[in-house]
N, C-alpha and C. Protein backbone atom coordinates (compact mmCIF):
# COMPACT_ATOMS: atom_id res chain seq x y z
N MET A 1 111.99 64.38 132.23
CA MET A 1 112.23 64.33 131.36
C MET A 1 111.63 64.45 130.14
N LYS A 2 110.04 64.60 129.73
CA LYS A 2 109.08 64.98 129.31
C LYS A 2 108.74 65.95 128.83
N LYS A 3 108.82 66.80 130.15
CA LYS A 3 109.05 68.73 130.26
C LYS A 3 109.73 68.93 129.55
N ILE A 4 111.46 68.63 129.52
CA ILE A 4 112.42 69.03 129.16
C ILE A 4 112.29 68.73 127.16
N LEU A 5 112.02 67.93 126.87
CA LEU A 5 111.45 67.69 125.94
C LEU A 5 110.67 68.72 125.31
N ASN A 6 109.56 68.36 125.93
CA ASN A 6 108.41 69.64 125.57
C ASN A 6 108.64 70.73 124.90
N THR A 7 109.69 70.96 126.28
CA THR A 7 109.90 72.50 126.11
C THR A 7 111.10 72.90 124.34
N LEU A 8 111.78 71.66 124.66
CA LEU A 8 112.88 72.04 123.61
C LEU A 8 111.86 72.29 122.00
N LEU A 9 110.87 71.32 122.04
CA LEU A 9 110.40 70.91 120.61
C LEU A 9 109.58 71.92 120.59
N ASP A 10 108.99 73.40 121.77
CA ASP A 10 108.85 74.30 121.49
C ASP A 10 109.20 75.79 120.84
N LEU A 11 110.50 75.11 121.29
CA LEU A 11 111.53 76.46 121.04
C LEU A 11 112.27 75.93 119.50
N ILE A 12 111.75 74.67 119.05
CA ILE A 12 112.37 74.13 117.57
C ILE A 12 111.74 74.75 117.13
N TYR A 13 110.06 74.60 117.48
CA TYR A 13 109.18 75.00 116.38
C TYR A 13 108.28 76.03 116.03
N ARG A 14 108.84 77.00 117.21
CA ARG A 14 108.68 78.39 117.59
C ARG A 14 108.41 79.62 116.54
N LYS A 15 107.28 80.14 116.15
CA LYS A 15 107.29 80.92 114.72
C LYS A 15 108.68 81.61 114.77
N LYS A 16 109.10 82.35 114.08
CA LYS A 16 109.59 84.24 114.05
C LYS A 16 109.31 84.53 113.26
N CYS A 17 109.56 85.98 114.26
CA CYS A 17 108.09 86.84 113.05
C CYS A 17 109.34 87.01 111.95
N TYR A 18 108.71 87.07 111.67
CA TYR A 18 108.84 86.95 109.52
C TYR A 18 109.50 88.54 109.34
N PHE A 19 109.92 89.57 110.13
CA PHE A 19 109.69 91.22 110.04
C PHE A 19 111.29 91.49 110.65
N CYS A 20 111.26 90.91 112.20
CA CYS A 20 112.55 90.75 112.56
C CYS A 20 113.15 89.57 113.60
N GLY A 21 112.66 88.51 112.88
CA GLY A 21 113.36 87.09 113.11
C GLY A 21 113.17 86.60 114.81
N LYS A 22 112.49 87.43 115.77
CA LYS A 22 112.32 86.66 116.70
C LYS A 22 111.21 85.71 116.82
N SER A 23 111.50 84.83 117.94
CA SER A 23 110.66 84.13 118.08
C SER A 23 109.86 84.44 119.56
N LYS A 24 109.91 85.53 120.47
CA LYS A 24 109.65 85.66 121.70
C LYS A 24 107.88 84.97 121.34
N SER A 25 107.34 86.05 120.95
CA SER A 25 105.52 85.44 120.37
C SER A 25 105.25 84.45 119.66
N SER A 26 105.95 83.83 119.20
CA SER A 26 105.47 82.73 118.42
C SER A 26 104.54 83.34 116.82
N LEU A 27 104.82 84.38 116.71
CA LEU A 27 103.59 84.93 115.70
C LEU A 27 104.32 84.99 114.10
N LYS A 28 103.62 85.20 113.08
CA LYS A 28 104.66 85.68 112.09
C LYS A 28 104.99 86.97 111.73
N MET A 29 103.95 87.61 112.64
CA MET A 29 104.16 89.26 112.59
C MET A 29 104.19 89.74 114.45
N CYS A 30 104.92 90.12 114.92
CA CYS A 30 104.94 90.23 116.27
C CYS A 30 104.39 91.54 116.89
N PRO A 31 104.14 91.91 117.92
CA PRO A 31 103.63 92.61 118.42
C PRO A 31 104.39 93.93 117.70
N SER A 32 105.68 94.04 118.38
CA SER A 32 106.41 95.28 117.90
C SER A 32 106.28 95.26 116.77
N CYS A 33 106.51 94.59 115.40
CA CYS A 33 106.43 95.38 114.30
C CYS A 33 105.18 95.29 113.37
N TRP A 34 104.24 94.70 114.45
CA TRP A 34 103.22 95.66 113.81
C TRP A 34 102.81 96.79 114.37
N GLU A 35 103.01 97.22 115.28
CA GLU A 35 103.08 98.95 115.48
C GLU A 35 103.84 99.59 114.78
N GLU A 36 105.04 99.07 114.03
CA GLU A 36 105.50 99.73 112.70
C GLU A 36 104.65 100.33 111.60
N LEU A 37 103.40 99.31 111.65
CA LEU A 37 102.54 99.89 110.64
C LEU A 37 102.01 101.27 110.41
N THR A 38 101.83 101.97 109.91
CA THR A 38 101.29 103.25 110.00
C THR A 38 99.92 103.47 108.90
N PHE A 39 99.23 104.17 109.56
CA PHE A 39 97.89 104.20 108.32
C PHE A 39 97.90 105.58 107.43
N SER A 40 97.75 105.70 106.16
CA SER A 40 97.41 107.28 105.77
C SER A 40 96.29 107.94 106.48
N ASP A 41 96.29 109.07 105.90
CA ASP A 41 95.13 109.96 106.31
C ASP A 41 93.88 108.93 106.12
N LEU A 42 92.96 109.74 105.77
CA LEU A 42 91.44 108.83 106.02
C LEU A 42 90.53 109.76 105.10
N HIS A 43 91.36 109.52 103.98
CA HIS A 43 90.78 110.57 102.44
C HIS A 43 90.94 109.43 101.35
N PRO A 44 90.12 109.79 100.44
CA PRO A 44 90.62 109.41 98.95
C PRO A 44 91.99 109.14 98.50
N ASN A 45 92.29 108.35 98.19
CA ASN A 45 93.85 108.48 97.77
C ASN A 45 92.93 109.50 95.86
N ARG A 46 92.42 108.74 95.71
CA ARG A 46 92.13 109.78 94.17
C ARG A 46 90.36 108.94 94.27
N ILE A 47 89.83 109.69 93.07
CA ILE A 47 88.56 109.74 92.37
C ILE A 47 88.77 108.99 91.39
N ILE A 48 87.95 107.65 91.03
CA ILE A 48 88.43 107.73 89.32
C ILE A 48 86.56 107.37 89.46
N ASN A 49 86.16 108.11 87.98
CA ASN A 49 85.06 108.18 87.95
C ASN A 49 83.54 107.54 88.49
N GLY A 50 84.04 108.94 89.82
CA GLY A 50 83.38 108.48 90.17
C GLY A 50 83.37 107.69 91.71
N VAL A 51 84.09 107.22 92.25
CA VAL A 51 84.52 106.18 92.65
C VAL A 51 85.86 106.72 93.54
N ASN A 52 85.30 106.29 95.27
CA ASN A 52 86.82 106.84 95.88
C ASN A 52 87.73 105.82 95.97
N ILE A 53 89.02 105.80 96.12
CA ILE A 53 89.82 105.00 95.94
C ILE A 53 90.88 105.49 97.46
N TYR A 54 90.75 104.07 98.10
CA TYR A 54 91.20 104.52 99.50
C TYR A 54 92.78 103.83 99.42
N SER A 55 93.74 104.36 100.06
CA SER A 55 94.94 103.21 100.30
C SER A 55 95.48 103.72 101.54
N CYS A 56 95.41 102.59 102.13
CA CYS A 56 95.59 102.25 103.95
C CYS A 56 97.10 102.94 104.13
N GLY A 57 98.08 102.71 103.42
CA GLY A 57 99.61 102.86 103.87
C GLY A 57 100.28 103.19 102.75
N ILE A 58 101.51 103.52 103.36
CA ILE A 58 102.89 103.86 102.02
C ILE A 58 103.56 102.86 102.57
N TYR A 59 103.56 102.33 100.37
CA TYR A 59 103.93 101.45 100.44
C TYR A 59 105.77 101.32 100.40
N GLU A 60 106.00 100.84 101.90
CA GLU A 60 107.42 100.88 102.70
C GLU A 60 107.53 100.15 103.68
N LYS A 61 109.09 100.44 104.32
CA LYS A 61 108.87 99.08 105.38
C LYS A 61 108.98 98.38 105.63
N TYR A 62 107.96 98.03 106.47
CA TYR A 62 107.43 97.19 106.99
C TYR A 62 106.35 96.68 106.14
N LEU A 63 105.80 97.98 105.64
CA LEU A 63 104.04 97.55 105.09
C LEU A 63 104.41 96.85 103.46
N GLN A 64 105.91 96.89 103.54
CA GLN A 64 106.49 96.77 101.58
C GLN A 64 106.52 95.23 101.70
N LYS A 65 107.44 94.98 103.04
CA LYS A 65 107.81 93.68 103.42
C LYS A 65 107.01 92.71 103.50
N LEU A 66 105.93 93.50 103.98
CA LEU A 66 104.47 92.58 104.00
C LEU A 66 103.97 92.02 102.84
N ILE A 67 103.53 92.92 102.02
CA ILE A 67 103.06 92.71 100.93
C ILE A 67 103.87 91.44 99.54
N ARG A 68 105.07 92.09 99.90
CA ARG A 68 106.06 91.15 98.91
C ARG A 68 106.48 89.67 99.58
N GLY A 69 106.30 89.77 100.77
CA GLY A 69 106.08 88.48 101.54
C GLY A 69 105.21 87.59 100.73
N LEU A 70 103.97 88.20 101.29
CA LEU A 70 102.87 87.61 100.88
C LEU A 70 102.50 87.42 99.49
N LYS A 71 103.28 88.42 98.65
CA LYS A 71 102.55 87.84 96.93
C LYS A 71 104.53 87.10 96.31
N TYR A 72 105.07 87.60 96.62
CA TYR A 72 106.69 86.73 96.03
C TYR A 72 107.17 85.54 96.19
N HIS A 73 106.78 85.63 98.01
CA HIS A 73 107.40 84.55 98.70
C HIS A 73 106.97 83.36 99.61
N LYS A 74 105.48 83.42 98.92
CA LYS A 74 104.90 82.19 99.51
C LYS A 74 104.90 82.54 100.90
N GLN A 75 104.76 83.25 101.33
CA GLN A 75 104.26 83.43 103.12
C GLN A 75 102.87 83.68 103.18
N LYS A 76 102.11 82.77 103.34
CA LYS A 76 100.30 83.49 103.09
C LYS A 76 99.84 83.41 104.32
N GLU A 77 100.93 82.81 105.11
CA GLU A 77 99.97 83.27 106.77
C GLU A 77 99.69 84.88 106.93
N LEU A 78 100.84 85.30 106.40
CA LEU A 78 100.73 86.64 106.36
C LEU A 78 99.26 87.83 105.82
N ALA A 79 98.51 87.04 104.94
CA ALA A 79 97.72 87.75 104.76
C ALA A 79 96.65 88.08 105.71
N TYR A 80 96.26 87.29 106.93
CA TYR A 80 95.89 88.11 107.80
C TYR A 80 96.50 88.87 108.27
N TYR A 81 97.79 89.38 108.06
CA TYR A 81 98.21 90.60 108.64
C TYR A 81 97.88 91.88 107.96
N LEU A 82 98.17 91.73 106.36
CA LEU A 82 97.55 92.42 106.05
C LEU A 82 96.06 92.76 105.44
N ALA A 83 94.85 91.80 105.57
CA ALA A 83 93.69 91.93 105.67
C ALA A 83 93.61 92.55 107.04
N LYS A 84 93.86 92.32 108.51
CA LYS A 84 93.76 92.94 109.32
C LYS A 84 94.24 94.77 109.14
N PHE A 85 95.08 94.98 108.36
CA PHE A 85 95.86 96.18 108.85
C PHE A 85 94.90 96.66 107.61
N MET A 86 94.19 96.32 106.60
CA MET A 86 93.68 96.99 105.65
C MET A 86 92.01 97.56 106.60
N TYR A 87 91.40 96.40 106.97
CA TYR A 87 90.38 96.38 107.75
C TYR A 87 90.09 97.57 108.62
N GLU A 88 90.81 97.38 109.61
CA GLU A 88 91.35 98.33 110.54
C GLU A 88 91.19 100.00 110.05
N TYR A 89 91.71 100.57 108.72
CA TYR A 89 91.81 101.63 108.15
C TYR A 89 90.09 101.70 108.18
N PHE A 90 89.93 100.72 106.77
CA PHE A 90 88.65 100.93 106.33
C PHE A 90 87.53 101.02 107.38
N ASN A 91 87.46 100.88 108.25
CA ASN A 91 86.97 100.53 110.17
C ASN A 91 86.76 101.58 110.18
N LYS A 92 87.73 102.69 110.26
CA LYS A 92 87.64 103.95 110.38
C LYS A 92 87.13 105.00 109.87
N LEU A 93 86.75 104.37 108.59
CA LEU A 93 86.16 105.67 107.65
C LEU A 93 84.82 105.85 107.70
N GLY A 94 84.06 104.80 108.57
CA GLY A 94 82.67 104.41 109.09
C GLY A 94 82.22 103.91 108.55
N ILE A 95 82.19 103.83 106.76
CA ILE A 95 81.15 103.07 106.11
C ILE A 95 80.66 102.26 106.27
N GLU A 96 79.36 101.86 106.59
CA GLU A 96 78.55 100.83 107.09
C GLU A 96 77.82 100.22 106.35
N LYS A 97 78.06 99.51 105.00
CA LYS A 97 77.69 99.12 104.04
C LYS A 97 77.54 97.66 104.08
N ASP A 98 76.92 96.69 104.35
CA ASP A 98 76.90 94.85 103.73
C ASP A 98 77.51 94.62 102.54
N PHE A 99 78.99 94.91 102.30
CA PHE A 99 79.48 94.81 100.95
C PHE A 99 79.49 93.17 100.73
N GLN A 100 79.94 92.98 99.35
CA GLN A 100 80.47 92.27 98.67
C GLN A 100 82.38 92.68 98.09
N VAL A 101 83.17 91.53 98.74
CA VAL A 101 84.32 91.89 98.73
C VAL A 101 85.12 91.03 97.39
N ILE A 102 85.36 91.94 96.84
CA ILE A 102 86.47 91.32 95.66
C ILE A 102 87.66 91.66 95.60
N PRO A 103 88.51 90.77 95.79
CA PRO A 103 89.72 90.69 95.50
C PRO A 103 89.74 90.84 93.99
N THR A 104 90.86 91.43 94.03
CA THR A 104 91.19 91.78 92.14
C THR A 104 92.05 90.82 91.67
N PRO A 105 91.32 90.36 90.71
CA PRO A 105 91.71 88.81 90.15
C PRO A 105 93.39 88.75 89.02
N LEU A 106 93.51 87.44 89.10
CA LEU A 106 94.40 87.60 88.12
C LEU A 106 94.35 86.71 87.03
N HIS A 107 95.01 86.92 86.32
CA HIS A 107 94.67 85.60 84.98
C HIS A 107 95.41 83.84 85.15
N LYS A 108 94.73 83.46 84.86
CA LYS A 108 94.63 82.38 85.05
C LYS A 108 96.50 81.43 84.50
N ASN A 109 96.68 82.16 83.98
CA ASN A 109 98.49 81.91 83.67
C ASN A 109 99.40 82.61 84.77
N ARG A 110 98.75 83.69 85.38
CA ARG A 110 99.75 84.10 86.86
C ARG A 110 99.64 83.23 87.82
N ILE A 111 98.36 81.99 87.84
CA ILE A 111 97.59 81.57 88.74
C ILE A 111 98.64 80.39 88.72
N LYS A 112 98.45 79.78 87.56
CA LYS A 112 99.53 78.72 87.56
C LYS A 112 100.87 79.16 87.98
N LYS A 113 101.48 79.93 87.90
CA LYS A 113 102.73 80.70 87.67
C LYS A 113 102.99 80.75 89.54
N ARG A 114 102.08 81.12 90.09
CA ARG A 114 102.37 81.98 91.68
C ARG A 114 102.02 80.70 92.34
N LYS A 115 100.29 79.62 91.55
CA LYS A 115 100.16 78.88 92.44
C LYS A 115 98.83 79.34 93.28
N TYR A 116 98.71 81.07 93.66
CA TYR A 116 97.37 81.06 94.60
C TYR A 116 97.12 82.58 93.98
N ASN A 117 96.24 83.06 94.13
CA ASN A 117 96.14 84.42 94.05
C ASN A 117 96.40 84.92 94.98
N HIS A 118 97.02 86.11 95.84
CA HIS A 118 97.55 86.43 97.41
C HIS A 118 96.19 87.17 97.63
N MET A 119 95.44 87.87 96.49
CA MET A 119 94.01 89.23 97.14
C MET A 119 93.18 88.34 97.28
N GLU A 120 93.16 87.03 96.62
CA GLU A 120 92.25 86.52 97.52
C GLU A 120 92.19 86.05 98.68
N LEU A 121 93.34 85.52 98.99
CA LEU A 121 93.68 85.26 100.69
C LEU A 121 93.39 86.63 101.44
N VAL A 122 93.77 87.26 100.82
CA VAL A 122 93.68 88.81 101.94
C VAL A 122 92.01 89.17 101.92
N ALA A 123 91.10 88.58 101.00
CA ALA A 123 89.84 89.05 100.89
C ALA A 123 89.11 88.35 101.84
N GLU A 124 89.59 87.01 101.95
CA GLU A 124 88.63 86.13 102.47
C GLU A 124 89.16 86.14 103.94
N GLU A 125 90.30 86.88 104.38
CA GLU A 125 90.58 86.97 105.91
C GLU A 125 89.84 88.22 106.41
N PHE A 126 89.65 89.74 105.04
CA PHE A 126 89.01 90.38 105.58
C PHE A 126 87.62 90.92 105.95
N CYS A 127 86.77 89.32 105.01
CA CYS A 127 85.81 89.36 105.55
C CYS A 127 85.20 88.60 107.06
N LYS A 128 86.21 88.08 107.43
CA LYS A 128 85.98 87.19 108.94
C LYS A 128 85.78 88.49 110.04
N PHE A 129 86.26 89.34 109.49
CA PHE A 129 86.21 90.44 110.60
C PHE A 129 85.15 91.10 110.34
N ASN A 130 84.00 91.19 109.60
CA ASN A 130 82.69 91.89 109.68
C ASN A 130 81.63 90.69 109.14
N ASP A 131 80.58 90.04 109.86
CA ASP A 131 79.61 89.26 109.56
C ASP A 131 79.06 89.28 108.20
N THR A 132 79.05 90.83 108.13
CA THR A 132 78.10 91.10 106.98
C THR A 132 78.32 91.38 105.79
N TYR A 133 80.36 91.29 105.77
CA TYR A 133 80.73 90.87 104.48
C TYR A 133 80.68 89.93 103.72
N ILE A 134 80.77 89.34 102.55
CA ILE A 134 80.69 88.57 101.69
C ILE A 134 81.47 88.31 100.59
N PHE A 135 82.82 87.04 100.98
CA PHE A 135 83.69 87.44 100.29
C PHE A 135 83.30 86.86 98.98
N ASN A 136 83.52 87.31 97.41
CA ASN A 136 83.17 87.16 95.95
C ASN A 136 84.31 87.14 95.27
N PRO A 137 84.62 85.68 95.15
CA PRO A 137 86.26 86.02 93.89
C PRO A 137 85.63 86.40 93.06
N ASN A 138 83.87 85.79 92.71
CA ASN A 138 83.92 85.47 90.76
C ASN A 138 83.45 86.66 90.43
N LEU A 139 82.82 87.81 90.61
CA LEU A 139 82.74 88.70 90.08
C LEU A 139 83.11 88.92 88.86
N ILE A 140 84.21 89.45 88.95
CA ILE A 140 85.27 90.44 88.56
C ILE A 140 86.14 89.14 87.88
N LEU A 141 86.27 88.90 86.10
CA LEU A 141 87.13 87.92 85.88
C LEU A 141 88.52 88.49 85.26
N ARG A 142 89.65 88.02 85.47
CA ARG A 142 90.97 88.50 84.57
C ARG A 142 90.93 88.47 83.14
N ILE A 143 90.64 87.94 81.88
CA ILE A 143 90.78 87.36 81.02
C ILE A 143 91.53 87.45 80.25
N LYS A 144 92.75 88.76 80.46
CA LYS A 144 93.84 89.15 79.50
C LYS A 144 94.93 88.98 80.20
N ASP A 145 95.89 88.29 79.48
CA ASP A 145 97.17 88.58 80.47
C ASP A 145 97.83 89.45 80.12
N THR A 146 98.23 90.54 81.11
CA THR A 146 98.68 91.53 81.27
C THR A 146 100.49 91.69 81.06
N LYS A 147 100.74 92.38 80.67
CA LYS A 147 102.45 92.38 81.18
C LYS A 147 102.04 93.23 82.65
N PRO A 148 103.54 92.78 83.65
CA PRO A 148 104.00 93.20 84.64
C PRO A 148 103.35 94.70 84.73
N GLN A 149 102.74 95.68 85.55
CA GLN A 149 102.79 97.22 85.08
C GLN A 149 103.68 98.20 85.88
N TYR A 150 104.23 97.91 86.71
CA TYR A 150 105.66 98.34 87.41
C TYR A 150 106.45 99.18 86.64
N LYS A 151 106.71 99.33 85.27
CA LYS A 151 107.56 100.14 85.30
C LYS A 151 106.90 100.63 83.42
N LEU A 152 105.37 100.29 83.65
CA LEU A 152 104.83 101.07 82.57
C LEU A 152 104.32 102.85 82.80
N SER A 153 104.02 103.11 81.79
CA SER A 153 103.73 104.90 82.52
C SER A 153 102.26 104.94 82.44
N ARG A 154 101.42 105.85 82.90
CA ARG A 154 99.40 105.29 83.50
C ARG A 154 99.23 105.01 81.59
N LYS A 155 99.38 105.75 80.75
CA LYS A 155 99.05 105.49 79.41
C LYS A 155 99.50 104.00 79.17
N GLU A 156 100.70 103.89 79.64
CA GLU A 156 100.76 102.42 78.78
C GLU A 156 100.01 101.45 79.72
N ARG A 157 99.71 101.44 81.22
CA ARG A 157 99.01 100.68 81.94
C ARG A 157 97.55 100.96 81.30
N LEU A 158 96.81 101.66 80.98
CA LEU A 158 95.88 101.45 80.28
C LEU A 158 95.76 101.09 79.17
N GLU A 159 96.26 100.91 78.61
CA GLU A 159 96.70 100.77 77.48
C GLU A 159 96.77 98.93 77.49
N ASN A 160 97.70 98.52 78.34
CA ASN A 160 97.94 97.02 78.79
C ASN A 160 96.48 96.73 79.20
N LEU A 161 95.61 96.99 80.51
CA LEU A 161 94.72 96.76 81.26
C LEU A 161 93.11 96.96 79.93
N SER A 162 93.36 97.76 79.16
CA SER A 162 92.31 97.41 78.04
C SER A 162 91.75 96.26 77.96
N ASN A 163 90.59 96.22 78.18
CA ASN A 163 89.65 95.04 77.93
C ASN A 163 90.10 93.75 78.74
N ALA A 164 91.08 94.01 79.98
CA ALA A 164 91.90 92.56 80.79
C ALA A 164 90.43 91.90 81.85
N PHE A 165 89.22 93.12 81.94
CA PHE A 165 88.63 92.44 83.00
C PHE A 165 87.07 91.79 82.31
N ASP A 166 86.48 91.00 82.69
CA ASP A 166 85.25 90.77 82.44
C ASP A 166 84.07 90.71 83.32
N VAL A 167 83.09 91.44 83.78
CA VAL A 167 82.32 90.94 84.64
C VAL A 167 81.43 89.91 84.53
N ASN A 168 81.33 89.07 85.35
CA ASN A 168 80.24 87.40 85.34
C ASN A 168 79.24 87.94 86.19
N ILE A 169 78.11 88.68 85.47
CA ILE A 169 77.02 89.35 86.41
C ILE A 169 76.08 87.97 86.63
N SER A 170 76.15 87.13 86.83
CA SER A 170 75.05 86.07 86.97
C SER A 170 75.83 85.77 88.62
N ALA A 171 76.73 86.42 89.31
CA ALA A 171 77.90 86.08 90.31
C ALA A 171 77.75 87.18 91.32
N ASN A 172 76.53 87.45 90.60
CA ASN A 172 76.73 89.47 91.46
C ASN A 172 75.62 89.32 92.71
N MET A 173 75.98 89.85 93.62
CA MET A 173 74.72 89.59 94.82
C MET A 173 74.54 90.17 95.64
N ASN A 174 74.06 91.48 94.49
CA ASN A 174 73.20 92.56 94.40
C ASN A 174 73.38 93.23 96.18
N LYS A 175 74.76 93.36 95.85
CA LYS A 175 75.01 94.24 96.84
C LYS A 175 76.14 95.47 97.07
N PRO A 176 76.47 96.18 97.57
CA PRO A 176 77.81 97.15 97.47
C PRO A 176 79.19 96.38 97.05
N VAL A 177 79.97 97.10 96.34
CA VAL A 177 81.10 96.24 95.56
C VAL A 177 82.51 96.86 96.28
N LEU A 178 83.09 95.82 97.13
CA LEU A 178 84.31 96.64 97.97
C LEU A 178 85.57 95.90 96.96
N ILE A 179 85.93 96.55 96.23
CA ILE A 179 87.54 96.17 95.71
C ILE A 179 88.60 96.07 96.63
N LEU A 180 89.41 94.92 96.20
CA LEU A 180 90.50 95.17 97.44
C LEU A 180 92.23 94.92 96.50
N ASP A 181 92.90 95.32 96.90
CA ASP A 181 94.02 95.44 95.76
C ASP A 181 95.42 96.02 96.84
N ASP A 182 96.46 95.30 96.26
CA ASP A 182 97.78 95.51 97.22
C ASP A 182 98.08 97.20 97.11
N ILE A 183 98.32 97.32 96.31
CA ILE A 183 98.85 98.62 95.69
C ILE A 183 98.53 99.39 94.52
N CYS A 184 97.99 100.91 94.94
CA CYS A 184 97.68 101.69 93.61
C CYS A 184 98.32 102.55 93.21
N THR A 185 98.93 102.37 92.56
CA THR A 185 100.26 103.59 91.32
C THR A 185 99.65 104.67 90.79
N THR A 186 98.78 104.07 90.41
CA THR A 186 98.42 105.36 89.07
C THR A 186 96.71 105.51 89.17
N GLY A 187 96.79 104.01 89.75
CA GLY A 187 94.76 103.35 89.67
C GLY A 187 94.38 103.72 88.56
N ALA A 188 95.17 102.63 87.65
CA ALA A 188 94.61 101.79 86.17
C ALA A 188 93.80 100.91 86.40
N THR A 189 94.30 99.95 87.34
CA THR A 189 93.97 98.39 87.59
C THR A 189 92.35 98.84 88.23
N PHE A 190 92.69 99.80 89.30
CA PHE A 190 90.99 99.89 89.59
C PHE A 190 90.06 100.46 88.90
N GLU A 191 90.52 101.45 87.64
CA GLU A 191 90.12 101.80 86.85
C GLU A 191 89.22 101.09 85.92
N GLU A 192 90.01 100.03 85.29
CA GLU A 192 89.88 99.45 84.78
C GLU A 192 88.41 98.63 84.48
N MET A 193 88.03 97.85 86.06
CA MET A 193 87.16 97.19 86.55
C MET A 193 86.44 98.14 87.45
N ILE A 194 86.21 99.14 87.59
CA ILE A 194 85.17 100.25 87.58
C ILE A 194 84.98 100.52 86.61
N ASN A 195 85.25 100.73 85.25
CA ASN A 195 84.65 100.50 84.04
C ASN A 195 83.87 99.75 83.67
N SER A 196 84.70 98.25 83.75
CA SER A 196 83.67 97.20 83.36
C SER A 196 82.63 96.81 84.35
N LEU A 197 82.80 97.17 85.23
CA LEU A 197 81.05 96.82 86.33
C LEU A 197 80.06 98.01 86.06
N LYS A 198 80.50 99.58 85.76
CA LYS A 198 79.27 99.95 85.79
C LYS A 198 78.76 100.10 84.06
N GLN A 199 79.66 98.92 83.11
CA GLN A 199 79.03 98.92 82.12
C GLN A 199 78.18 97.84 82.32
N LYS A 200 77.96 97.05 83.17
CA LYS A 200 76.94 96.22 83.56
C LYS A 200 75.87 96.33 84.53
N GLY A 201 76.06 97.80 85.30
CA GLY A 201 74.87 98.23 85.70
C GLY A 201 75.44 98.38 87.13
N ILE A 202 76.66 97.97 87.73
CA ILE A 202 77.07 98.38 88.75
C ILE A 202 77.78 99.37 89.14
N GLU A 203 76.79 100.31 89.99
CA GLU A 203 77.33 101.42 90.58
C GLU A 203 77.82 102.18 92.05
N ASP A 204 77.00 100.90 92.65
CA ASP A 204 77.97 101.32 94.15
C ASP A 204 79.14 100.98 94.55
N ILE A 205 80.06 101.21 94.36
CA ILE A 205 81.42 100.61 94.01
C ILE A 205 82.63 101.49 95.23
N ILE A 206 83.32 100.72 96.05
CA ILE A 206 84.51 101.51 96.67
C ILE A 206 85.84 100.86 96.26
N CYS A 207 86.76 100.74 96.18
CA CYS A 207 88.44 100.24 96.04
C CYS A 207 89.09 100.94 97.40
N LEU A 208 89.88 99.84 97.66
CA LEU A 208 90.58 99.53 98.79
C LEU A 208 91.40 99.03 98.16
N ALA A 209 93.19 100.22 98.81
CA ALA A 209 94.57 99.36 97.90
C ALA A 209 95.37 99.54 99.48
N ALA A 210 95.93 98.67 99.65
CA ALA A 210 96.57 98.32 101.00
C ALA A 210 97.82 99.42 101.20
N SER A 211 98.13 99.49 99.94
CA SER A 211 99.32 101.04 99.88
C SER A 211 99.42 101.23 98.23
N SER A 212 100.08 102.67 98.55
CA SER A 212 100.68 103.98 97.69
C SER A 212 101.79 103.99 97.71
N PRO A 213 102.38 104.23 96.11
CA PRO A 213 104.33 104.62 96.53
C PRO A 213 104.35 106.14 97.51
């Protein structure tokens, strides 16, 4: 009887894949759906002020659902899978440095609304894949509550993001900087953070987005 009850409980509480709805693997993203993710080419998506910007994949299908589920639908467990996807791409680049890993910050008003910064969750998981990486969410601060970017032109994005970030130089760990974000559309967010860092004398920077359009 006890064995039957345990089997029933396993079936009831078994995790379903967020993507296909199946529970066979009891994972938030089953191996079959993970295999649907594909990497972009191993070269910079763009170069901004001498800094390489890499994009791990295209913002569509499973990768789009992965990002949106984590970002908007409180599916925090998906942070692990997005971090793994980003780390596996970045590892293929063969850049061997002891990075301080910086999540793109949110303004306090946005965090109050969403309850968490999804890129902080991703950056924490990302650092677990490499013992030499240090999670540092305090180096770059978002001091301006900007408008949503998705409907803005590149010029409007740059104006919207002007003076949006500040660098807390006391939090600098004197290591190369790796900035993580979810989507790189025009590169305006990365550009503003790069400029803010360079104004404080921090030059060794790489940017990594999970996706681009």
